[in-house]
Protein backbone atom coordinates (compact mmCIF):
# COMPACT_ATOMS: atom_id res chain seq x y z
CA MET A 1 85.37 65.32 38.45
CA GLY A 2 84.36 62.19 36.50
CA LEU A 3 81.43 59.92 37.19
CA MET A 4 83.59 57.02 38.37
CA THR A 5 85.45 59.31 40.75
CA LYS A 6 82.13 60.37 42.26
CA ILE A 7 81.00 56.75 42.60
CA LEU A 8 84.27 55.39 43.96
CA GLY A 9 85.02 58.41 46.12
CA GLY A 10 88.03 60.04 44.55
CA GLU A 11 91.61 58.94 44.43
CA GLN A 12 91.75 57.60 47.96
CA SER A 13 93.83 54.51 48.50
CA ARG A 14 92.05 51.41 49.72
CA SER A 15 93.16 49.04 52.45
CA ALA A 16 92.18 45.47 53.27
CA GLU A 17 89.75 46.74 55.91
CA ASP A 18 87.72 48.50 53.19
CA TYR A 19 86.65 45.16 51.73
CA VAL A 20 84.24 42.56 53.06
CA GLU A 21 84.85 38.87 52.48
CA LEU A 22 81.75 37.03 51.31
CA ASP A 23 80.94 33.54 52.49
CA LEU A 24 79.50 31.45 49.66
CA ASP A 25 77.38 29.51 52.15
CA ASP A 26 75.45 32.72 52.85
CA VAL A 27 74.50 33.13 49.18
CA THR A 28 71.28 31.42 48.18
CA ASP A 29 71.05 29.66 44.86
CA ASN A 30 67.86 30.99 43.29
CA THR A 31 68.76 30.07 39.74
CA THR A 32 65.96 29.23 37.37
CA GLU A 33 66.07 27.08 34.31
CA ALA A 34 67.42 29.03 31.34
CA ALA A 35 65.33 29.17 28.19
CA MET A 36 68.45 28.87 26.05
CA GLN A 37 72.04 27.75 26.50
CA VAL A 38 75.28 28.47 24.67
CA HIS A 39 77.29 25.34 23.84
CA VAL A 40 80.89 25.09 22.69
CA ALA A 41 81.72 22.26 20.32
CA GLU A 42 84.99 21.00 18.94
CA VAL A 43 84.39 19.67 15.44
CA ASP A 44 86.72 16.90 14.42
CA GLY A 45 84.46 15.09 11.96
CA GLN A 46 80.97 14.45 10.71
CA GLU A 47 79.77 13.00 14.04
CA ALA A 48 80.23 16.36 15.77
CA ALA A 49 78.08 18.03 13.12
CA ILE A 50 75.19 15.72 14.04
CA ASP A 51 75.41 16.74 17.71
CA ILE A 52 75.53 20.43 16.73
CA LYS A 53 72.48 20.07 14.50
CA ASP A 54 70.50 18.37 17.29
CA THR A 55 71.48 21.13 19.74
CA VAL A 56 70.35 23.92 17.37
CA TYR A 57 67.09 22.06 16.66
CA ASP A 58 66.57 21.96 20.45
CA GLY A 59 66.80 25.78 20.54
CA ASP A 60 70.33 26.38 21.80
CA ILE A 61 73.28 28.37 20.41
CA VAL A 62 76.48 26.57 19.36
CA ILE A 63 79.96 28.00 18.96
CA ALA A 64 81.88 25.39 16.98
CA ASP A 65 85.66 25.23 16.83
CA ILE A 66 86.69 23.82 13.44
CA THR A 67 90.45 24.22 13.91
CA ARG A 68 91.05 20.49 13.60
CA LEU A 69 89.44 20.44 10.15
CA ARG A 70 91.48 23.17 8.47
CA THR A 71 93.67 20.72 6.59
CA ASN A 72 90.73 19.10 4.81
CA ASP A 73 88.76 21.91 3.15
CA LYS A 74 86.15 19.63 1.54
CA THR A 75 85.14 18.26 4.93
CA VAL A 76 84.92 21.78 6.38
CA GLU A 77 82.80 23.02 3.49
CA HIS A 78 80.51 19.99 3.72
CA ILE A 79 79.98 20.50 7.45
CA VAL A 80 79.45 24.26 7.01
CA ASP A 81 76.87 23.57 4.28
CA GLU A 82 75.01 21.15 6.57
CA LEU A 83 75.00 23.64 9.44
CA ARG A 84 73.89 26.46 7.11
CA GLN A 85 70.96 24.29 6.04
CA VAL A 86 70.00 23.70 9.69
CA ALA A 87 70.15 27.44 10.46
CA ASN A 88 67.89 28.10 7.46
CA GLU A 89 65.43 25.36 8.46
CA VAL A 90 64.97 26.75 11.97
CA ASP A 91 65.04 30.39 10.81
CA GLY A 92 68.17 30.97 12.85
CA ASP A 93 71.54 32.36 11.80
CA ILE A 94 75.07 31.18 11.06
CA VAL A 95 78.36 33.05 10.86
CA ARG A 96 81.84 31.83 10.17
CA LYS A 97 84.26 33.73 12.39
CA GLY A 98 87.68 33.60 10.83
CA ASP A 99 89.03 30.23 9.81
CA ASP A 100 88.44 28.49 13.10
CA GLN A 101 84.92 29.16 14.45
CA ILE A 102 81.31 28.89 13.36
CA ILE A 103 78.42 30.29 15.39
CA ILE A 104 74.98 28.75 14.79
CA THR A 105 71.81 30.10 16.39
CA PRO A 106 68.24 28.80 16.63
CA THR A 107 64.91 30.43 15.82
CA GLY A 108 64.66 34.10 16.70
CA VAL A 109 68.37 34.72 17.35
CA LYS A 110 70.34 36.74 14.82
CA ILE A 111 74.09 37.37 14.89
CA GLY A 112 75.34 40.94 14.48
CA ARG A 113 77.74 41.32 11.57
CA GLU A 114 79.57 44.37 12.95
CA LYS A 115 82.04 44.30 15.79
CA LEU A 116 81.07 46.27 18.87
CA GLY A 117 82.83 49.55 19.44
CA ARG A 118 83.02 50.56 15.80
């Protein structure tokens, strides 16, 4: 007998009566301010790179979609070089994921280079 079977109680079928509907009004919102946020950016030119740099300097992570820039490799390389410089200045990290995404992190956040599950 597996662990999940023990937790879920075997191969019994469930009915609608087995579930409880939750009312969102009964849930209290005790969220606190996060120390860091993850932002998603769509890079379509140099102006977007400025916003990304400011966000990383402020201590947040940015996942940048550079799909719109694939046709102009010099622009992509220029923006990647600028973002690499920012990551180095703040002692963060930068990774280019495929041809369409760049992940930039601030101070103290490193990006794993190996995929999970390998």
